[in-house]
Amino acid sequence: KRDHSGIPHGGFVIRSGKTGWNDENQHVIEYSLKLDSNPEFTSSV
């Protein structure tokens, strides 16, 4: 009850990819969430 009463969550969506004729350039797209309350954030969406 003292240490684990909340419902936090979150995570990361990452895509790593290459562009250029010979795949010479690397790119990383990242979206992240850090949520104090999983249900309240879900509700807002």
ModelCIF file with pLDDT and N, C-alpha, C, O atoms, coordinates in Angstrom:
data_MODEL
#
_entry.id   MODEL 
#
_entity.id                         1 
_entity.type                       polymer 
_entity.pdbx_number_of_molecules   1 
#
_entity_poly.entity_id                      1 
_entity_poly.type                           'polypeptide(L)' 
_entity_poly.nstd_linkage                   no 
_entity_poly.nstd_monomer                   no 
_entity_poly.pdbx_seq_one_letter_code       KRDHSGIPHGGFVIRSGKTGWNDENQHVIEYSLKLDSNPEFTSSV 
_entity_poly.pdbx_seq_one_letter_code_can   KRDHSGIPHGGFVIRSGKTGWNDENQHVIEYSLKLDSNPEFTSSV 
_entity_poly.pdbx_strand_id                 A 
#
loop_
_entity_poly_seq.entity_id 
_entity_poly_seq.num 
_entity_poly_seq.mon_id 
_entity_poly_seq.hetero 
1 1  LYS n 
1 2  ARG n 
1 3  ASP n 
1 4  HIS n 
1 5  SER n 
1 6  GLY n 
1 7  ILE n 
1 8  PRO n 
1 9  HIS n 
1 10 GLY n 
1 11 GLY n 
1 12 PHE n 
1 13 VAL n 
1 14 ILE n 
1 15 ARG n 
1 16 SER n 
1 17 GLY n 
1 18 LYS n 
1 19 THR n 
1 20 GLY n 
1 21 TRP n 
1 22 ASN n 
1 23 ASP n 
1 24 GLU n 
1 25 ASN n 
1 26 GLN n 
1 27 HIS n 
1 28 VAL n 
1 29 ILE n 
1 30 GLU n 
1 31 TYR n 
1 32 SER n 
1 33 LEU n 
1 34 LYS n 
1 35 LEU n 
1 36 ASP n 
1 37 SER n 
1 38 ASN n 
1 39 PRO n 
1 40 GLU n 
1 41 PHE n 
1 42 THR n 
1 43 SER n 
1 44 SER n 
1 45 VAL n 
#
_struct_asym.id          A 
_struct_asym.entity_id   1 
#
loop_
_ma_qa_metric.id 
_ma_qa_metric.mode 
_ma_qa_metric.name 
_ma_qa_metric.software_group_id 
_ma_qa_metric.type 
1 global pLDDT . pLDDT 
2 local  pLDDT . pLDDT 
#
_ma_qa_metric_global.metric_id      1 
_ma_qa_metric_global.metric_value   97.20 
_ma_qa_metric_global.model_id       1 
_ma_qa_metric_global.ordinal_id     1 
#
loop_
_ma_qa_metric_local.label_asym_id 
_ma_qa_metric_local.label_comp_id 
_ma_qa_metric_local.label_seq_id 
_ma_qa_metric_local.metric_id 
_ma_qa_metric_local.metric_value 
_ma_qa_metric_local.model_id 
_ma_qa_metric_local.ordinal_id 
A LYS 1  2 97.00 1 1  
A ARG 2  2 97.00 1 2  
A ASP 3  2 97.00 1 3  
A HIS 4  2 97.00 1 4  
A SER 5  2 95.00 1 5  
A GLY 6  2 95.00 1 6  
A ILE 7  2 95.00 1 7  
A PRO 8  2 97.00 1 8  
A HIS 9  2 97.00 1 9  
A GLY 10 2 97.00 1 10 
A GLY 11 2 98.00 1 11 
A PHE 12 2 98.00 1 12 
A VAL 13 2 98.00 1 13 
A ILE 14 2 98.00 1 14 
A ARG 15 2 98.00 1 15 
A SER 16 2 98.00 1 16 
A GLY 17 2 97.00 1 17 
A LYS 18 2 97.00 1 18 
A THR 19 2 98.00 1 19 
A GLY 20 2 98.00 1 20 
A TRP 21 2 98.00 1 21 
A ASN 22 2 98.00 1 22 
A ASP 23 2 97.00 1 23 
A GLU 24 2 97.00 1 24 
A ASN 25 2 98.00 1 25 
A GLN 26 2 97.00 1 26 
A HIS 27 2 97.00 1 27 
A VAL 28 2 98.00 1 28 
A ILE 29 2 98.00 1 29 
A GLU 30 2 98.00 1 30 
A TYR 31 2 98.00 1 31 
A SER 32 2 98.00 1 32 
A LEU 33 2 98.00 1 33 
A LYS 34 2 97.00 1 34 
A LEU 35 2 97.00 1 35 
A ASP 36 2 97.00 1 36 
A SER 37 2 96.00 1 37 
A ASN 38 2 95.00 1 38 
A PRO 39 2 95.00 1 39 
A GLU 40 2 97.00 1 40 
A PHE 41 2 97.00 1 41 
A THR 42 2 97.00 1 42 
A SER 43 2 98.00 1 43 
A SER 44 2 98.00 1 44 
A VAL 45 2 98.00 1 45 
#
loop_
_atom_site.group_PDB 
_atom_site.id 
_atom_site.type_symbol 
_atom_site.label_atom_id 
_atom_site.label_alt_id 
_atom_site.label_comp_id 
_atom_site.label_asym_id 
_atom_site.label_entity_id 
_atom_site.label_seq_id 
_atom_site.pdbx_PDB_ins_code 
_atom_site.Cartn_x 
_atom_site.Cartn_y 
_atom_site.Cartn_z 
_atom_site.occupancy 
_atom_site.B_iso_or_equiv 
_atom_site.pdbx_formal_charge 
_atom_site.auth_seq_id 
_atom_site.auth_comp_id 
_atom_site.auth_asym_id 
_atom_site.auth_atom_id 
_atom_site.pdbx_PDB_model_num 
ATOM 1   N N  . LYS A 1 1  ? 0.828  -1.216 0.000   1.00 97.00 ? 1  LYS A N  1 
ATOM 2   C CA . LYS A 1 1  ? 0.000  0.000  0.000   1.00 97.00 ? 1  LYS A CA 1 
ATOM 3   C C  . LYS A 1 1  ? 0.856  1.258  0.000   1.00 97.00 ? 1  LYS A C  1 
ATOM 4   O O  . LYS A 1 1  ? 0.521  2.241  -0.661  1.00 97.00 ? 1  LYS A O  1 
ATOM 5   N N  . ARG A 1 2  ? 1.961  1.229  0.739   1.00 97.00 ? 2  ARG A N  1 
ATOM 6   C CA . ARG A 1 2  ? 2.814  2.413  0.857   1.00 97.00 ? 2  ARG A CA 1 
ATOM 7   C C  . ARG A 1 2  ? 3.602  2.692  -0.416  1.00 97.00 ? 2  ARG A C  1 
ATOM 8   O O  . ARG A 1 2  ? 3.715  3.843  -0.840  1.00 97.00 ? 2  ARG A O  1 
ATOM 9   N N  . ASP A 1 3  ? 4.145  1.644  -1.026  1.00 97.00 ? 3  ASP A N  1 
ATOM 10  C CA . ASP A 1 3  ? 5.114  1.843  -2.113  1.00 97.00 ? 3  ASP A CA 1 
ATOM 11  C C  . ASP A 1 3  ? 4.569  1.540  -3.499  1.00 97.00 ? 3  ASP A C  1 
ATOM 12  O O  . ASP A 1 3  ? 5.201  1.885  -4.497  1.00 97.00 ? 3  ASP A O  1 
ATOM 13  N N  . HIS A 1 4  ? 3.404  0.899  -3.580  1.00 97.00 ? 4  HIS A N  1 
ATOM 14  C CA . HIS A 1 4  ? 2.951  0.415  -4.895  1.00 97.00 ? 4  HIS A CA 1 
ATOM 15  C C  . HIS A 1 4  ? 1.458  0.669  -5.112  1.00 97.00 ? 4  HIS A C  1 
ATOM 16  O O  . HIS A 1 4  ? 0.776  -0.147 -5.733  1.00 97.00 ? 4  HIS A O  1 
ATOM 17  N N  . SER A 1 5  ? 0.952  1.785  -4.610  1.00 95.00 ? 5  SER A N  1 
ATOM 18  C CA . SER A 1 5  ? -0.484 2.054  -4.722  1.00 95.00 ? 5  SER A CA 1 
ATOM 19  C C  . SER A 1 5  ? -0.866 2.729  -6.041  1.00 95.00 ? 5  SER A C  1 
ATOM 20  O O  . SER A 1 5  ? -2.041 2.721  -6.408  1.00 95.00 ? 5  SER A O  1 
ATOM 21  N N  . GLY A 1 6  ? 0.085  3.307  -6.754  1.00 95.00 ? 6  GLY A N  1 
ATOM 22  C CA . GLY A 1 6  ? -0.222 4.023  -7.991  1.00 95.00 ? 6  GLY A CA 1 
ATOM 23  C C  . GLY A 1 6  ? -0.344 3.097  -9.191  1.00 95.00 ? 6  GLY A C  1 
ATOM 24  O O  . GLY A 1 6  ? -0.117 1.891  -9.094  1.00 95.00 ? 6  GLY A O  1 
ATOM 25  N N  . ILE A 1 7  ? -0.712 3.694  -10.336 1.00 95.00 ? 7  ILE A N  1 
ATOM 26  C CA . ILE A 1 7  ? -0.817 2.940  -11.593 1.00 95.00 ? 7  ILE A CA 1 
ATOM 27  C C  . ILE A 1 7  ? -0.011 3.683  -12.671 1.00 95.00 ? 7  ILE A C  1 
ATOM 28  O O  . ILE A 1 7  ? -0.575 4.106  -13.681 1.00 95.00 ? 7  ILE A O  1 
ATOM 29  N N  . PRO A 1 8  ? 1.302  3.843  -12.459 1.00 97.00 ? 8  PRO A N  1 
ATOM 30  C CA . PRO A 1 8  ? 2.110  4.522  -13.467 1.00 97.00 ? 8  PRO A CA 1 
ATOM 31  C C  . PRO A 1 8  ? 2.383  3.613  -14.661 1.00 97.00 ? 8  PRO A C  1 
ATOM 32  O O  . PRO A 1 8  ? 2.281  2.391  -14.550 1.00 97.00 ? 8  PRO A O  1 
ATOM 33  N N  . HIS A 1 9  ? 2.723  4.199  -15.786 1.00 97.00 ? 9  HIS A N  1 
ATOM 34  C CA . HIS A 1 9  ? 3.159  3.406  -16.943 1.00 97.00 ? 9  HIS A CA 1 
ATOM 35  C C  . HIS A 1 9  ? 3.826  4.338  -17.949 1.00 97.00 ? 9  HIS A C  1 
ATOM 36  O O  . HIS A 1 9  ? 4.081  5.508  -17.664 1.00 97.00 ? 9  HIS A O  1 
ATOM 37  N N  . GLY A 1 10 ? 4.099  3.798  -19.118 1.00 97.00 ? 10 GLY A N  1 
ATOM 38  C CA . GLY A 1 10 ? 4.749  4.574  -20.164 1.00 97.00 ? 10 GLY A CA 1 
ATOM 39  C C  . GLY A 1 10 ? 5.470  3.651  -21.118 1.00 97.00 ? 10 GLY A C  1 
ATOM 40  O O  . GLY A 1 10 ? 5.217  2.447  -21.155 1.00 97.00 ? 10 GLY A O  1 
ATOM 41  N N  . GLY A 1 11 ? 6.380  4.236  -21.897 1.00 98.00 ? 11 GLY A N  1 
ATOM 42  C CA . GLY A 1 11 ? 7.126  3.408  -22.832 1.00 98.00 ? 11 GLY A CA 1 
ATOM 43  C C  . GLY A 1 11 ? 7.667  4.212  -23.987 1.00 98.00 ? 11 GLY A C  1 
ATOM 44  O O  . GLY A 1 11 ? 7.631  5.443  -23.992 1.00 98.00 ? 11 GLY A O  1 
ATOM 45  N N  . PHE A 1 12 ? 8.176  3.476  -24.978 1.00 98.00 ? 12 PHE A N  1 
ATOM 46  C CA . PHE A 1 12 ? 8.879  4.084  -26.096 1.00 98.00 ? 12 PHE A CA 1 
ATOM 47  C C  . PHE A 1 12 ? 8.503  3.376  -27.394 1.00 98.00 ? 12 PHE A C  1 
ATOM 48  O O  . PHE A 1 12 ? 8.448  2.147  -27.440 1.00 98.00 ? 12 PHE A O  1 
ATOM 49  N N  . VAL A 1 13 ? 8.245  4.150  -28.448 1.00 98.00 ? 13 VAL A N  1 
ATOM 50  C CA . VAL A 1 13 ? 8.142  3.621  -29.799 1.00 98.00 ? 13 VAL A CA 1 
ATOM 51  C C  . VAL A 1 13 ? 9.316  4.189  -30.575 1.00 98.00 ? 13 VAL A C  1 
ATOM 52  O O  . VAL A 1 13 ? 9.478  5.404  -30.680 1.00 98.00 ? 13 VAL A O  1 
ATOM 53  N N  . ILE A 1 14 ? 10.126 3.301  -31.112 1.00 98.00 ? 14 ILE A N  1 
ATOM 54  C CA . ILE A 1 14 ? 11.339 3.726  -31.815 1.00 98.00 ? 14 ILE A CA 1 
ATOM 55  C C  . ILE A 1 14 ? 11.375 3.041  -33.179 1.00 98.00 ? 14 ILE A C  1 
ATOM 56  O O  . ILE A 1 14 ? 11.118 1.842  -33.291 1.00 98.00 ? 14 ILE A O  1 
ATOM 57  N N  . ARG A 1 15 ? 11.695 3.817  -34.212 1.00 98.00 ? 15 ARG A N  1 
ATOM 58  C CA . ARG A 1 15 ? 12.001 3.222  -35.518 1.00 98.00 ? 15 ARG A CA 1 
ATOM 59  C C  . ARG A 1 15 ? 13.371 3.705  -35.956 1.00 98.00 ? 15 ARG A C  1 
ATOM 60  O O  . ARG A 1 15 ? 13.660 4.901  -35.981 1.00 98.00 ? 15 ARG A O  1 
ATOM 61  N N  . SER A 1 16 ? 14.187 2.752  -36.295 1.00 98.00 ? 16 SER A N  1 
ATOM 62  C CA . SER A 1 16 ? 15.534 3.036  -36.779 1.00 98.00 ? 16 SER A CA 1 
ATOM 63  C C  . SER A 1 16 ? 15.573 2.681  -38.255 1.00 98.00 ? 16 SER A C  1 
ATOM 64  O O  . SER A 1 16 ? 15.148 1.593  -38.645 1.00 98.00 ? 16 SER A O  1 
ATOM 65  N N  . GLY A 1 17 ? 16.087 3.601  -39.088 1.00 97.00 ? 17 GLY A N  1 
ATOM 66  C CA . GLY A 1 17 ? 16.073 3.335  -40.516 1.00 97.00 ? 17 GLY A CA 1 
ATOM 67  C C  . GLY A 1 17 ? 17.200 4.032  -41.255 1.00 97.00 ? 17 GLY A C  1 
ATOM 68  O O  . GLY A 1 17 ? 17.895 4.889  -40.709 1.00 97.00 ? 17 GLY A O  1 
ATOM 69  N N  . LYS A 1 18 ? 17.361 3.643  -42.506 1.00 97.00 ? 18 LYS A N  1 
ATOM 70  C CA . LYS A 1 18 ? 18.443 4.173  -43.337 1.00 97.00 ? 18 LYS A CA 1 
ATOM 71  C C  . LYS A 1 18 ? 17.865 4.859  -44.572 1.00 97.00 ? 18 LYS A C  1 
ATOM 72  O O  . LYS A 1 18 ? 16.834 4.448  -45.104 1.00 97.00 ? 18 LYS A O  1 
ATOM 73  N N  . THR A 1 19 ? 18.549 5.908  -45.016 1.00 98.00 ? 19 THR A N  1 
ATOM 74  C CA . THR A 1 19 ? 18.210 6.575  -46.271 1.00 98.00 ? 19 THR A CA 1 
ATOM 75  C C  . THR A 1 19 ? 19.491 6.748  -47.098 1.00 98.00 ? 19 THR A C  1 
ATOM 76  O O  . THR A 1 19 ? 20.599 6.478  -46.634 1.00 98.00 ? 19 THR A O  1 
ATOM 77  N N  . GLY A 1 20 ? 19.297 7.202  -48.322 1.00 98.00 ? 20 GLY A N  1 
ATOM 78  C CA . GLY A 1 20 ? 20.433 7.368  -49.232 1.00 98.00 ? 20 GLY A CA 1 
ATOM 79  C C  . GLY A 1 20 ? 20.503 6.220  -50.220 1.00 98.00 ? 20 GLY A C  1 
ATOM 80  O O  . GLY A 1 20 ? 19.963 5.141  -49.976 1.00 98.00 ? 20 GLY A O  1 
ATOM 81  N N  . TRP A 1 21 ? 21.178 6.462  -51.349 1.00 98.00 ? 21 TRP A N  1 
ATOM 82  C CA . TRP A 1 21 ? 21.232 5.447  -52.416 1.00 98.00 ? 21 TRP A CA 1 
ATOM 83  C C  . TRP A 1 21 ? 21.872 4.156  -51.934 1.00 98.00 ? 21 TRP A C  1 
ATOM 84  O O  . TRP A 1 21 ? 21.465 3.063  -52.327 1.00 98.00 ? 21 TRP A O  1 
ATOM 85  N N  . ASN A 1 22 ? 22.881 4.293  -51.075 1.00 98.00 ? 22 ASN A N  1 
ATOM 86  C CA . ASN A 1 22 ? 23.580 3.126  -50.555 1.00 98.00 ? 22 ASN A CA 1 
ATOM 87  C C  . ASN A 1 22 ? 23.370 2.955  -49.045 1.00 98.00 ? 22 ASN A C  1 
ATOM 88  O O  . ASN A 1 22 ? 24.224 2.407  -48.347 1.00 98.00 ? 22 ASN A O  1 
ATOM 89  N N  . ASP A 1 23 ? 22.224 3.432  -48.556 1.00 97.00 ? 23 ASP A N  1 
ATOM 90  C CA . ASP A 1 23 ? 21.895 3.330  -47.126 1.00 97.00 ? 23 ASP A CA 1 
ATOM 91  C C  . ASP A 1 23 ? 22.974 3.959  -46.245 1.00 97.00 ? 23 ASP A C  1 
ATOM 92  O O  . ASP A 1 23 ? 23.320 3.432  -45.188 1.00 97.00 ? 23 ASP A O  1 
ATOM 93  N N  . GLU A 1 24 ? 23.493 5.093  -46.705 1.00 97.00 ? 24 GLU A N  1 
ATOM 94  C CA . GLU A 1 24 ? 24.638 5.659  -46.002 1.00 97.00 ? 24 GLU A CA 1 
ATOM 95  C C  . GLU A 1 24 ? 24.272 6.489  -44.775 1.00 97.00 ? 24 GLU A C  1 
ATOM 96  O O  . GLU A 1 24 ? 25.143 6.777  -43.953 1.00 97.00 ? 24 GLU A O  1 
ATOM 97  N N  . ASN A 1 25 ? 23.002 6.882  -44.629 1.00 98.00 ? 25 ASN A N  1 
ATOM 98  C CA . ASN A 1 25 ? 22.606 7.737  -43.505 1.00 98.00 ? 25 ASN A CA 1 
ATOM 99  C C  . ASN A 1 25 ? 21.600 7.027  -42.604 1.00 98.00 ? 25 ASN A C  1 
ATOM 100 O O  . ASN A 1 25 ? 20.636 6.418  -43.069 1.00 98.00 ? 25 ASN A O  1 
ATOM 101 N N  . GLN A 1 26 ? 21.855 7.127  -41.307 1.00 97.00 ? 26 GLN A N  1 
ATOM 102 C CA . GLN A 1 26 ? 21.051 6.453  -40.295 1.00 97.00 ? 26 GLN A CA 1 
ATOM 103 C C  . GLN A 1 26 ? 20.163 7.462  -39.578 1.00 97.00 ? 26 GLN A C  1 
ATOM 104 O O  . GLN A 1 26 ? 20.598 8.579  -39.298 1.00 97.00 ? 26 GLN A O  1 
ATOM 105 N N  . HIS A 1 27 ? 18.908 7.075  -39.274 1.00 97.00 ? 27 HIS A N  1 
ATOM 106 C CA . HIS A 1 27 ? 17.968 7.955  -38.583 1.00 97.00 ? 27 HIS A CA 1 
ATOM 107 C C  . HIS A 1 27 ? 17.242 7.166  -37.507 1.00 97.00 ? 27 HIS A C  1 
ATOM 108 O O  . HIS A 1 27 ? 16.986 5.972  -37.663 1.00 97.00 ? 27 HIS A O  1 
ATOM 109 N N  . VAL A 1 28 ? 16.912 7.842  -36.414 1.00 98.00 ? 28 VAL A N  1 
ATOM 110 C CA . VAL A 1 28 ? 16.139 7.221  -35.337 1.00 98.00 ? 28 VAL A CA 1 
ATOM 111 C C  . VAL A 1 28 ? 14.980 8.148  -34.976 1.00 98.00 ? 28 VAL A C  1 
ATOM 112 O O  . VAL A 1 28 ? 15.188 9.321  -34.666 1.00 98.00 ? 28 VAL A O  1 
ATOM 113 N N  . ILE A 1 29 ? 13.774 7.619  -35.018 1.00 98.00 ? 29 ILE A N  1 
ATOM 114 C CA . ILE A 1 29 ? 12.574 8.338  -34.578 1.00 98.00 ? 29 ILE A CA 1 
ATOM 115 C C  . ILE A 1 29 ? 12.144 7.734  -33.251 1.00 98.00 ? 29 ILE A C  1 
ATOM 116 O O  . ILE A 1 29 ? 12.038 6.514  -33.128 1.00 98.00 ? 29 ILE A O  1 
ATOM 117 N N  . GLU A 1 30 ? 11.897 8.582  -32.254 1.00 98.00 ? 30 GLU A N  1 
ATOM 118 C CA . GLU A 1 30 ? 11.485 8.068  -30.943 1.00 98.00 ? 30 GLU A CA 1 
ATOM 119 C C  . GLU A 1 30 ? 10.327 8.883  -30.384 1.00 98.00 ? 30 GLU A C  1 
ATOM 120 O O  . GLU A 1 30 ? 10.347 10.114 -30.391 1.00 98.00 ? 30 GLU A O  1 
ATOM 121 N N  . TYR A 1 31 ? 9.323  8.169  -29.903 1.00 98.00 ? 31 TYR A N  1 
ATOM 122 C CA . TYR A 1 31 ? 8.187  8.772  -29.197 1.00 98.00 ? 31 TYR A CA 1 
ATOM 123 C C  . TYR A 1 31 ? 8.118  8.100  -27.839 1.00 98.00 ? 31 TYR A C  1 
ATOM 124 O O  . TYR A 1 31 ? 8.154  6.873  -27.750 1.00 98.00 ? 31 TYR A O  1 
ATOM 125 N N  . SER A 1 32 ? 8.020  8.892  -26.780 1.00 98.00 ? 32 SER A N  1 
ATOM 126 C CA . SER A 1 32 ? 8.021  8.291  -25.445 1.00 98.00 ? 32 SER A CA 1 
ATOM 127 C C  . SER A 1 32 ? 6.936  8.891  -24.574 1.00 98.00 ? 32 SER A C  1 
ATOM 128 O O  . SER A 1 32 ? 6.511  10.029 -24.773 1.00 98.00 ? 32 SER A O  1 
ATOM 129 N N  . LEU A 1 33 ? 6.493  8.100  -23.599 1.00 98.00 ? 33 LEU A N  1 
ATOM 130 C CA . LEU A 1 33 ? 5.512  8.525  -22.615 1.00 98.00 ? 33 LEU A CA 1 
ATOM 131 C C  . LEU A 1 33 ? 5.983  8.140  -21.230 1.00 98.00 ? 33 LEU A C  1 
ATOM 132 O O  . LEU A 1 33 ? 6.539  7.060  -21.029 1.00 98.00 ? 33 LEU A O  1 
ATOM 133 N N  . LYS A 1 34 ? 5.759  9.029  -20.273 1.00 97.00 ? 34 LYS A N  1 
ATOM 134 C CA . LYS A 1 34 ? 6.005  8.729  -18.864 1.00 97.00 ? 34 LYS A CA 1 
ATOM 135 C C  . LYS A 1 34 ? 4.765  9.177  -18.109 1.00 97.00 ? 34 LYS A C  1 
ATOM 136 O O  . LYS A 1 34 ? 4.505  10.374 -17.987 1.00 97.00 ? 34 LYS A O  1 
ATOM 137 N N  . LEU A 1 35 ? 3.996  8.212  -17.599 1.00 97.00 ? 35 LEU A N  1 
ATOM 138 C CA . LEU A 1 35 ? 2.655  8.482  -17.104 1.00 97.00 ? 35 LEU A CA 1 
ATOM 139 C C  . LEU A 1 35 ? 2.540  8.197  -15.609 1.00 97.00 ? 35 LEU A C  1 
ATOM 140 O O  . LEU A 1 35 ? 2.861  7.099  -15.154 1.00 97.00 ? 35 LEU A O  1 
ATOM 141 N N  . ASP A 1 36 ? 2.086  9.179  -14.856 1.00 97.00 ? 36 ASP A N  1 
ATOM 142 C CA . ASP A 1 36 ? 1.781  8.961  -13.440 1.00 97.00 ? 36 ASP A CA 1 
ATOM 143 C C  . ASP A 1 36 ? 0.559  8.064  -13.281 1.00 97.00 ? 36 ASP A C  1 
ATOM 144 O O  . ASP A 1 36 ? 0.491  7.258  -12.354 1.00 97.00 ? 36 ASP A O  1 
ATOM 145 N N  . SER A 1 37 ? -0.411 8.208  -14.196 1.00 96.00 ? 37 SER A N  1 
ATOM 146 C CA . SER A 1 37 ? -1.650 7.430  -14.110 1.00 96.00 ? 37 SER A CA 1 
ATOM 147 C C  . SER A 1 37 ? -2.013 6.915  -15.491 1.00 96.00 ? 37 SER A C  1 
ATOM 148 O O  . SER A 1 37 ? -2.447 7.671  -16.361 1.00 96.00 ? 37 SER A O  1 
ATOM 149 N N  . ASN A 1 38 ? -1.830 5.622  -15.676 1.00 95.00 ? 38 ASN A N  1 
ATOM 150 C CA . ASN A 1 38 ? -2.196 4.980  -16.935 1.00 95.00 ? 38 ASN A CA 1 
ATOM 151 C C  . ASN A 1 38 ? -3.663 5.252  -17.308 1.00 95.00 ? 38 ASN A C  1 
ATOM 152 O O  . ASN A 1 38 ? -3.924 5.713  -18.419 1.00 95.00 ? 38 ASN A O  1 
ATOM 153 N N  . PRO A 1 39 ? -4.635 4.979  -16.405 1.00 95.00 ? 39 PRO A N  1 
ATOM 154 C CA . PRO A 1 39 ? -6.033 5.188  -16.806 1.00 95.00 ? 39 PRO A CA 1 
ATOM 155 C C  . PRO A 1 39 ? -6.383 6.639  -17.074 1.00 95.00 ? 39 PRO A C  1 
ATOM 156 O O  . PRO A 1 39 ? -7.191 6.909  -17.962 1.00 95.00 ? 39 PRO A O  1 
ATOM 157 N N  . GLU A 1 40 ? -5.805 7.586  -16.342 1.00 97.00 ? 40 GLU A N  1 
ATOM 158 C CA . GLU A 1 40 ? -6.147 8.993  -16.574 1.00 97.00 ? 40 GLU A CA 1 
ATOM 159 C C  . GLU A 1 40 ? -5.582 9.488  -17.903 1.00 97.00 ? 40 GLU A C  1 
ATOM 160 O O  . GLU A 1 40 ? -6.228 10.282 -18.587 1.00 97.00 ? 40 GLU A O  1 
ATOM 161 N N  . PHE A 1 41 ? -4.387 9.033  -18.280 1.00 97.00 ? 41 PHE A N  1 
ATOM 162 C CA . PHE A 1 41 ? -3.863 9.425  -19.587 1.00 97.00 ? 41 PHE A CA 1 
ATOM 163 C C  . PHE A 1 41 ? -4.693 8.793  -20.700 1.00 97.00 ? 41 PHE A C  1 
ATOM 164 O O  . PHE A 1 41 ? -5.059 9.461  -21.667 1.00 97.00 ? 41 PHE A O  1 
ATOM 165 N N  . THR A 1 42 ? -4.986 7.501  -20.555 1.00 97.00 ? 42 THR A N  1 
ATOM 166 C CA . THR A 1 42 ? -5.833 6.820  -21.545 1.00 97.00 ? 42 THR A CA 1 
ATOM 167 C C  . THR A 1 42 ? -7.165 7.544  -21.698 1.00 97.00 ? 42 THR A C  1 
ATOM 168 O O  . THR A 1 42 ? -7.652 7.726  -22.814 1.00 97.00 ? 42 THR A O  1 
ATOM 169 N N  . SER A 1 43 ? -7.749 7.954  -20.584 1.00 98.00 ? 43 SER A N  1 
ATOM 170 C CA . SER A 1 43 ? -9.018 8.684  -20.610 1.00 98.00 ? 43 SER A CA 1 
ATOM 171 C C  . SER A 1 43 ? -8.905 9.989  -21.383 1.00 98.00 ? 43 SER A C  1 
ATOM 172 O O  . SER A 1 43 ? -9.821 10.360 -22.117 1.00 98.00 ? 43 SER A O  1 
ATOM 173 N N  . SER A 1 44 ? -7.789 10.686 -21.225 1.00 98.00 ? 44 SER A N  1 
ATOM 174 C CA . SER A 1 44 ? -7.605 11.960 -21.920 1.00 98.00 ? 44 SER A CA 1 
ATOM 175 C C  . SER A 1 44 ? -7.524 11.754 -23.426 1.00 98.00 ? 44 SER A C  1 
ATOM 176 O O  . SER A 1 44 ? -8.023 12.574 -24.197 1.00 98.00 ? 44 SER A O  1 
ATOM 177 N N  . VAL A 1 45 ? -6.892 10.651 -23.848 1.00 98.00 ? 45 VAL A N  1 
ATOM 178 C CA . VAL A 1 45 ? -6.850 10.336 -25.281 1.00 98.00 ? 45 VAL A CA 1 
ATOM 179 C C  . VAL A 1 45 ? -8.261 10.030 -25.788 1.00 98.00 ? 45 VAL A C  1 
ATOM 180 O O  . VAL A 1 45 ? -8.443 9.740  -26.971 1.00 98.00 ? 45 VAL A O  1 
#
